[in-house]
Amino acid sequence: MEAIRQTVKVKNHSFKITLPDNFLAEEVEVIIMPSSKQYEIPQWQIDEVRKRHDKYLKNPKDVTNIDDFLKELENEL
């Protein structure tokens, strides 16, 4: 699936989107929602996910089973 995400200015209750030449779909789905900073992921969270991903790639067998993780979490509450 090919996707394009853009933030565009609304003027007089309308806007225009120009698709790249290599976008060849004949039908698209459009979802419109207000642009807001609340949808941005904080840099510290991006860094943490990358760190965990790198750690996993180095040793994919050294992971916690989801059931064990949930038990640990429950015990902490």
PDB file of N, CA and C in Angstrom:
ATOM      1  N   MET A   1       0.853  -1.182   0.000  1.00  0.00           N
ATOM      2  CA  MET A   1       0.000   0.000   0.000  1.00  0.00           C
ATOM      3  C   MET A   1       0.893   1.237   0.000  1.00  0.00           C
ATOM      4  N   GLU A   2       0.538   2.171  -0.794  1.00  0.00           N
ATOM      5  CA  GLU A   2       1.257   3.437  -0.867  1.00  0.00           C
ATOM      6  C   GLU A   2       0.426   4.488  -0.144  1.00  0.00           C
ATOM      7  N   ALA A   3       1.056   5.290   0.680  1.00  0.00           N
ATOM      8  CA  ALA A   3       0.333   6.321   1.424  1.00  0.00           C
ATOM      9  C   ALA A   3       1.083   7.635   1.356  1.00  0.00           C
ATOM     10  N   ILE A   4       0.340   8.699   1.360  1.00  0.00           N
ATOM     11  CA  ILE A   4       0.901  10.047   1.387  1.00  0.00           C
ATOM     12  C   ILE A   4       0.244  10.771   2.551  1.00  0.00           C
ATOM     13  N   ARG A   5       1.067  11.375   3.379  1.00  0.00           N
ATOM     14  CA  ARG A   5       0.528  12.149   4.495  1.00  0.00           C
ATOM     15  C   ARG A   5       0.982  13.579   4.319  1.00  0.00           C
ATOM     16  N   GLN A   6       0.034  14.506   4.344  1.00  0.00           N
ATOM     17  CA  GLN A   6       0.348  15.912   4.170  1.00  0.00           C
ATOM     18  C   GLN A   6      -0.448  16.737   5.165  1.00  0.00           C
ATOM     19  N   THR A   7       0.103  17.862   5.525  1.00  0.00           N
ATOM     20  CA  THR A   7      -0.642  18.870   6.265  1.00  0.00           C
ATOM     21  C   THR A   7      -0.867  20.011   5.285  1.00  0.00           C
ATOM     22  N   VAL A   8      -2.124  20.379   5.089  1.00  0.00           N
ATOM     23  CA  VAL A   8      -2.445  21.426   4.111  1.00  0.00           C
ATOM     24  C   VAL A   8      -3.277  22.512   4.774  1.00  0.00           C
ATOM     25  N   LYS A   9      -3.213  23.700   4.223  1.00  0.00           N
ATOM     26  CA  LYS A   9      -3.984  24.834   4.726  1.00  0.00           C
ATOM     27  C   LYS A   9      -5.387  24.802   4.147  1.00  0.00           C
ATOM     28  N   VAL A  10      -6.353  25.082   5.006  1.00  0.00           N
ATOM     29  CA  VAL A  10      -7.749  25.170   4.575  1.00  0.00           C
ATOM     30  C   VAL A  10      -8.063  26.635   4.313  1.00  0.00           C
ATOM     31  N   LYS A  11      -8.650  26.917   3.169  1.00  0.00           N
ATOM     32  CA  LYS A  11      -9.028  28.279   2.822  1.00  0.00           C
ATOM     33  C   LYS A  11     -10.442  28.245   2.255  1.00  0.00           C
ATOM     34  N   ASN A  12     -11.324  29.021   2.862  1.00  0.00           N
ATOM     35  CA  ASN A  12     -12.730  29.057   2.436  1.00  0.00           C
ATOM     36  C   ASN A  12     -13.343  27.658   2.418  1.00  0.00           C
ATOM     37  N   HIS A  13     -13.061  26.905   3.472  1.00  0.00           N
ATOM     38  CA  HIS A  13     -13.612  25.556   3.647  1.00  0.00           C
ATOM     39  C   HIS A  13     -13.215  24.586   2.540  1.00  0.00           C
ATOM     40  N   SER A  14     -12.060  24.764   1.940  1.00  0.00           N
ATOM     41  CA  SER A  14     -11.591  23.823   0.927  1.00  0.00           C
ATOM     42  C   SER A  14     -10.070  23.798   0.904  1.00  0.00           C
ATOM     43  N   PHE A  15      -9.531  22.813   0.245  1.00  0.00           N
ATOM     44  CA  PHE A  15      -8.090  22.699   0.080  1.00  0.00           C
ATOM     45  C   PHE A  15      -7.804  21.892  -1.174  1.00  0.00           C
ATOM     46  N   LYS A  16      -6.549  21.937  -1.620  1.00  0.00           N
ATOM     47  CA  LYS A  16      -6.154  21.235  -2.829  1.00  0.00           C
ATOM     48  C   LYS A  16      -4.940  20.370  -2.520  1.00  0.00           C
ATOM     49  N   ILE A  17      -4.970  19.145  -3.008  1.00  0.00           N
ATOM     50  CA  ILE A  17      -3.829  18.247  -2.866  1.00  0.00           C
ATOM     51  C   ILE A  17      -3.400  17.817  -4.263  1.00  0.00           C
ATOM     52  N   THR A  18      -2.133  18.020  -4.568  1.00  0.00           N
ATOM     53  CA  THR A  18      -1.579  17.569  -5.836  1.00  0.00           C
ATOM     54  C   THR A  18      -0.765  16.318  -5.562  1.00  0.00           C
ATOM     55  N   LEU A  19      -1.101  15.245  -6.261  1.00  0.00           N
ATOM     56  CA  LEU A  19      -0.410  13.974  -6.055  1.00  0.00           C
ATOM     57  C   LEU A  19       0.847  13.904  -6.910  1.00  0.00           C
ATOM     58  N   PRO A  20       1.869  13.194  -6.429  1.00  0.00           N
ATOM     59  CA  PRO A  20       3.091  13.036  -7.226  1.00  0.00           C
ATOM     60  C   PRO A  20       2.802  12.269  -8.520  1.00  0.00           C
ATOM     61  N   ASP A  21       3.616  12.481  -9.512  1.00  0.00           N
ATOM     62  CA  ASP A  21       3.437  11.809 -10.801  1.00  0.00           C
ATOM     63  C   ASP A  21       3.451  10.288 -10.679  1.00  0.00           C
ATOM     64  N   ASN A  22       4.234   9.766  -9.740  1.00  0.00           N
ATOM     65  CA  ASN A  22       4.345   8.307  -9.611  1.00  0.00           C
ATOM     66  C   ASN A  22       3.238   7.681  -8.760  1.00  0.00           C
ATOM     67  N   PHE A  23       2.293   8.474  -8.286  1.00  0.00           N
ATOM     68  CA  PHE A  23       1.145   7.947  -7.540  1.00  0.00           C
ATOM     69  C   PHE A  23       0.083   7.561  -8.562  1.00  0.00           C
ATOM     70  N   LEU A  24      -0.108   6.257  -8.759  1.00  0.00           N
ATOM     71  CA  LEU A  24      -0.911   5.790  -9.876  1.00  0.00           C
ATOM     72  C   LEU A  24      -2.294   5.262  -9.500  1.00  0.00           C
ATOM     73  N   ALA A  25      -2.682   5.345  -8.258  1.00  0.00           N
ATOM     74  CA  ALA A  25      -3.996   4.829  -7.851  1.00  0.00           C
ATOM     75  C   ALA A  25      -5.107   5.602  -8.541  1.00  0.00           C
ATOM     76  N   GLU A  26      -6.149   4.893  -8.914  1.00  0.00           N
ATOM     77  CA  GLU A  26      -7.281   5.537  -9.576  1.00  0.00           C
ATOM     78  C   GLU A  26      -8.382   5.902  -8.589  1.00  0.00           C
ATOM     79  N   GLU A  27      -8.284   5.356  -7.379  1.00  0.00           N
ATOM     80  CA  GLU A  27      -9.255   5.673  -6.330  1.00  0.00           C
ATOM     81  C   GLU A  27      -8.482   5.766  -5.026  1.00  0.00           C
ATOM     82  N   VAL A  28      -8.826   6.726  -4.187  1.00  0.00           N
ATOM     83  CA  VAL A  28      -8.132   6.898  -2.911  1.00  0.00           C
ATOM     84  C   VAL A  28      -9.145   7.051  -1.783  1.00  0.00           C
ATOM     85  N   GLU A  29      -8.691   6.790  -0.587  1.00  0.00           N
ATOM     86  CA  GLU A  29      -9.493   7.024   0.606  1.00  0.00           C
ATOM     87  C   GLU A  29      -8.943   8.284   1.258  1.00  0.00           C
ATOM     88  N   VAL A  30      -9.814   9.182   1.635  1.00  0.00           N
ATOM     89  CA  VAL A  30      -9.393  10.446   2.231  1.00  0.00           C
ATOM     90  C   VAL A  30      -9.924  10.501   3.664  1.00  0.00           C
ATOM     91  N   ILE A  31      -9.034  10.754   4.598  1.00  0.00           N
ATOM     92  CA  ILE A  31      -9.415  10.944   5.999  1.00  0.00           C
ATOM     93  C   ILE A  31      -9.012  12.359   6.368  1.00  0.00           C
ATOM     94  N   ILE A  32      -9.949  13.121   6.863  1.00  0.00           N
ATOM     95  CA  ILE A  32      -9.664  14.516   7.212  1.00  0.00           C
ATOM     96  C   ILE A  32      -9.842  14.692   8.715  1.00  0.00           C
ATOM     97  N   MET A  33      -8.808  15.214   9.354  1.00  0.00           N
ATOM     98  CA  MET A  33      -8.896  15.526  10.778  1.00  0.00           C
ATOM     99  C   MET A  33      -8.028  16.739  11.048  1.00  0.00           C
ATOM    100  N   PRO A  34      -8.367  17.488  12.083  1.00  0.00           N
ATOM    101  CA  PRO A  34      -7.605  18.700  12.373  1.00  0.00           C
ATOM    102  C   PRO A  34      -6.146  18.376  12.672  1.00  0.00           C
ATOM    103  N   SER A  35      -5.266  19.211  12.176  1.00  0.00           N
ATOM    104  CA  SER A  35      -3.850  19.064  12.475  1.00  0.00           C
ATOM    105  C   SER A  35      -3.609  19.574  13.883  1.00  0.00           C
ATOM    106  N   SER A  36      -2.812  18.827  14.606  1.00  0.00           N
ATOM    107  CA  SER A  36      -2.564  19.213  15.983  1.00  0.00           C
ATOM    108  C   SER A  36      -1.229  18.641  16.440  1.00  0.00           C
ATOM    109  N   LYS A  37      -0.564  19.345  17.302  1.00  0.00           N
ATOM    110  CA  LYS A  37       0.699  18.876  17.858  1.00  0.00           C
ATOM    111  C   LYS A  37       0.501  17.623  18.699  1.00  0.00           C
ATOM    112  N   GLN A  38      -0.707  17.367  19.180  1.00  0.00           N
ATOM    113  CA  GLN A  38      -0.940  16.222  20.043  1.00  0.00           C
ATOM    114  C   GLN A  38      -0.661  14.887  19.351  1.00  0.00           C
ATOM    115  N   TYR A  39      -0.593  14.865  18.033  1.00  0.00           N
ATOM    116  CA  TYR A  39      -0.339  13.634  17.308  1.00  0.00           C
ATOM    117  C   TYR A  39       1.144  13.378  17.098  1.00  0.00           C
ATOM    118  N   GLU A  40       1.974  14.316  17.482  1.00  0.00           N
ATOM    119  CA  GLU A  40       3.410  14.131  17.318  1.00  0.00           C
ATOM    120  C   GLU A  40       3.961  13.262  18.437  1.00  0.00           C
ATOM    121  N   ILE A  41       4.854  12.363  18.084  1.00  0.00           N
ATOM    122  CA  ILE A  41       5.483  11.487  19.066  1.00  0.00           C
ATOM    123  C   ILE A  41       6.718  12.195  19.604  1.00  0.00           C
ATOM    124  N   PRO A  42       6.850  12.281  20.932  1.00  0.00           N
ATOM    125  CA  PRO A  42       8.005  12.969  21.507  1.00  0.00           C
ATOM    126  C   PRO A  42       9.315  12.268  21.129  1.00  0.00           C
ATOM    127  N   GLN A  43      10.365  13.032  20.974  1.00  0.00           N
ATOM    128  CA  GLN A  43      11.657  12.479  20.555  1.00  0.00           C
ATOM    129  C   GLN A  43      12.164  11.430  21.527  1.00  0.00           C
ATOM    130  N   TRP A  44      11.965  11.629  22.833  1.00  0.00           N
ATOM    131  CA  TRP A  44      12.458  10.654  23.803  1.00  0.00           C
ATOM    132  C   TRP A  44      11.806   9.288  23.573  1.00  0.00           C
ATOM    133  N   GLN A  45      10.530   9.289  23.151  1.00  0.00           N
ATOM    134  CA  GLN A  45       9.833   8.034  22.929  1.00  0.00           C
ATOM    135  C   GLN A  45      10.342   7.350  21.648  1.00  0.00           C
ATOM    136  N   ILE A  46      10.603   8.132  20.632  1.00  0.00           N
ATOM    137  CA  ILE A  46      11.186   7.599  19.397  1.00  0.00           C
ATOM    138  C   ILE A  46      12.542   6.973  19.708  1.00  0.00           C
ATOM    139  N   ASP A  47      13.356   7.678  20.493  1.00  0.00           N
ATOM    140  CA  ASP A  47      14.686   7.174  20.858  1.00  0.00           C
ATOM    141  C   ASP A  47      14.584   5.864  21.639  1.00  0.00           C
ATOM    142  N   GLU A  48      13.634   5.794  22.552  1.00  0.00           N
ATOM    143  CA  GLU A  48      13.462   4.585  23.367  1.00  0.00           C
ATOM    144  C   GLU A  48      13.054   3.392  22.506  1.00  0.00           C
ATOM    145  N   VAL A  49      12.148   3.590  21.583  1.00  0.00           N
ATOM    146  CA  VAL A  49      11.711   2.505  20.700  1.00  0.00           C
ATOM    147  C   VAL A  49      12.873   2.041  19.827  1.00  0.00           C
ATOM    148  N   ARG A  50      13.645   2.978  19.311  1.00  0.00           N
ATOM    149  CA  ARG A  50      14.811   2.606  18.492  1.00  0.00           C
ATOM    150  C   ARG A  50      15.823   1.811  19.307  1.00  0.00           C
ATOM    151  N   LYS A  51      16.052   2.239  20.553  1.00  0.00           N
ATOM    152  CA  LYS A  51      16.994   1.542  21.426  1.00  0.00           C
ATOM    153  C   LYS A  51      16.520   0.107  21.675  1.00  0.00           C
ATOM    154  N   ARG A  52      15.234  -0.059  21.964  1.00  0.00           N
ATOM    155  CA  ARG A  52      14.689  -1.397  22.216  1.00  0.00           C
ATOM    156  C   ARG A  52      14.723  -2.249  20.946  1.00  0.00           C
ATOM    157  N   HIS A  53      14.462  -1.635  19.821  1.00  0.00           N
ATOM    158  CA  HIS A  53      14.493  -2.365  18.550  1.00  0.00           C
ATOM    159  C   HIS A  53      15.909  -2.861  18.253  1.00  0.00           C
ATOM    160  N   ASP A  54      16.894  -1.985  18.444  1.00  0.00           N
ATOM    161  CA  ASP A  54      18.286  -2.375  18.224  1.00  0.00           C
ATOM    162  C   ASP A  54      18.692  -3.516  19.161  1.00  0.00           C
ATOM    163  N   LYS A  55      18.264  -3.425  20.411  1.00  0.00           N
ATOM    164  CA  LYS A  55      18.568  -4.467  21.391  1.00  0.00           C
ATOM    165  C   LYS A  55      17.947  -5.792  20.957  1.00  0.00           C
ATOM    166  N   TYR A  56      16.718  -5.743  20.475  1.00  0.00           N
ATOM    167  CA  TYR A  56      16.047  -6.948  20.002  1.00  0.00           C
ATOM    168  C   TYR A  56      16.771  -7.555  18.801  1.00  0.00           C
ATOM    169  N   LEU A  57      17.187  -6.712  17.857  1.00  0.00           N
ATOM    170  CA  LEU A  57      17.871  -7.222  16.668  1.00  0.00           C
ATOM    171  C   LEU A  57      19.192  -7.912  17.026  1.00  0.00           C
ATOM    172  N   LYS A  58      19.851  -7.444  18.080  1.00  0.00           N
ATOM    173  CA  LYS A  58      21.109  -8.046  18.503  1.00  0.00           C
ATOM    174  C   LYS A  58      20.897  -9.416  19.146  1.00  0.00           C
ATOM    175  N   ASN A  59      19.745  -9.593  19.813  1.00  0.00           N
ATOM    176  CA  ASN A  59      19.472 -10.877  20.475  1.00  0.00           C
ATOM    177  C   ASN A  59      17.962 -11.123  20.512  1.00  0.00           C
ATOM    178  N   PRO A  60      17.376 -11.573  19.417  1.00  0.00           N
ATOM    179  CA  PRO A  60      15.920 -11.744  19.339  1.00  0.00           C
ATOM    180  C   PRO A  60      15.357 -12.811  20.276  1.00  0.00           C
ATOM    181  N   LYS A  61      16.230 -13.693  20.787  1.00  0.00           N
ATOM    182  CA  LYS A  61      15.733 -14.727  21.707  1.00  0.00           C
ATOM    183  C   LYS A  61      15.655 -14.225  23.147  1.00  0.00           C
ATOM    184  N   ASP A  62      16.267 -13.095  23.417  1.00  0.00           N
ATOM    185  CA  ASP A  62      16.280 -12.540  24.770  1.00  0.00           C
ATOM    186  C   ASP A  62      15.134 -11.536  24.936  1.00  0.00           C
ATOM    187  N   VAL A  63      13.931 -12.054  24.887  1.00  0.00           N
ATOM    188  CA  VAL A  63      12.744 -11.207  25.039  1.00  0.00           C
ATOM    189  C   VAL A  63      11.845 -11.780  26.120  1.00  0.00           C
ATOM    190  N   THR A  64      11.016 -10.952  26.665  1.00  0.00           N
ATOM    191  CA  THR A  64      10.080 -11.383  27.691  1.00  0.00           C
ATOM    192  C   THR A  64       8.796 -11.861  27.041  1.00  0.00           C
ATOM    193  N   ASN A  65       8.335 -13.011  27.464  1.00  0.00           N
ATOM    194  CA  ASN A  65       7.052 -13.534  27.010  1.00  0.00           C
ATOM    195  C   ASN A  65       5.953 -12.580  27.459  1.00  0.00           C
ATOM    196  N   ILE A  66       4.978 -12.335  26.604  1.00  0.00           N
ATOM    197  CA  ILE A  66       3.926 -11.363  26.928  1.00  0.00           C
ATOM    198  C   ILE A  66       3.150 -11.765  28.183  1.00  0.00           C
ATOM    199  N   ASP A  67       2.907 -13.049  28.364  1.00  0.00           N
ATOM    200  CA  ASP A  67       2.180 -13.493  29.565  1.00  0.00           C
ATOM    201  C   ASP A  67       2.985 -13.226  30.823  1.00  0.00           C
ATOM    202  N   ASP A  68       4.295 -13.472  30.758  1.00  0.00           N
ATOM    203  CA  ASP A  68       5.154 -13.183  31.910  1.00  0.00           C
ATOM    204  C   ASP A  68       5.191 -11.688  32.195  1.00  0.00           C
ATOM    205  N   PHE A  69       5.274 -10.900  31.138  1.00  0.00           N
ATOM    206  CA  PHE A  69       5.293  -9.447  31.299  1.00  0.00           C
ATOM    207  C   PHE A  69       4.011  -8.959  31.979  1.00  0.00           C
ATOM    208  N   LEU A  70       2.883  -9.467  31.532  1.00  0.00           N
ATOM    209  CA  LEU A  70       1.595  -9.026  32.107  1.00  0.00           C
ATOM    210  C   LEU A  70       1.486  -9.451  33.577  1.00  0.00           C
ATOM    211  N   LYS A  71       2.008 -10.625  33.920  1.00  0.00           N
ATOM    212  CA  LYS A  71       2.008 -11.056  35.326  1.00  0.00           C
ATOM    213  C   LYS A  71       2.867 -10.129  36.175  1.00  0.00           C
ATOM    214  N   GLU A  72       4.046  -9.774  35.661  1.00  0.00           N
ATOM    215  CA  GLU A  72       4.928  -8.849  36.378  1.00  0.00           C
ATOM    216  C   GLU A  72       4.240  -7.501  36.586  1.00  0.00           C
ATOM    217  N   LEU A  73       3.613  -7.038  35.559  1.00  0.00           N
ATOM    218  CA  LEU A  73       2.916  -5.753  35.629  1.00  0.00           C
ATOM    219  C   LEU A  73       1.785  -5.804  36.651  1.00  0.00           C
ATOM    220  N   GLU A  74       1.045  -6.885  36.628  1.00  0.00           N
ATOM    221  CA  GLU A  74      -0.061  -7.050  37.582  1.00  0.00           C
ATOM    222  C   GLU A  74       0.440  -7.088  39.008  1.00  0.00           C
ATOM    223  N   ASN A  75       1.566  -7.744  39.223  1.00  0.00           N
ATOM    224  CA  ASN A  75       2.148  -7.841  40.569  1.00  0.00           C
ATOM    225  C   ASN A  75       2.611  -6.485  41.088  1.00  0.00           C
ATOM    226  N   GLU A  76       3.004  -5.607  40.173  1.00  0.00           N
ATOM    227  CA  GLU A  76       3.466  -4.283  40.575  1.00  0.00           C
ATOM    228  C   GLU A  76       2.324  -3.357  40.971  1.00  0.00           C
ATOM    229  N   LEU A  77       1.113  -3.682  40.531  1.00  0.00           N
ATOM    230  CA  LEU A  77      -0.032  -2.807  40.828  1.00  0.00           C
ATOM    231  C   LEU A  77      -0.605  -3.034  42.181  1.00  0.00           C
TER     232      LEU A  77
END
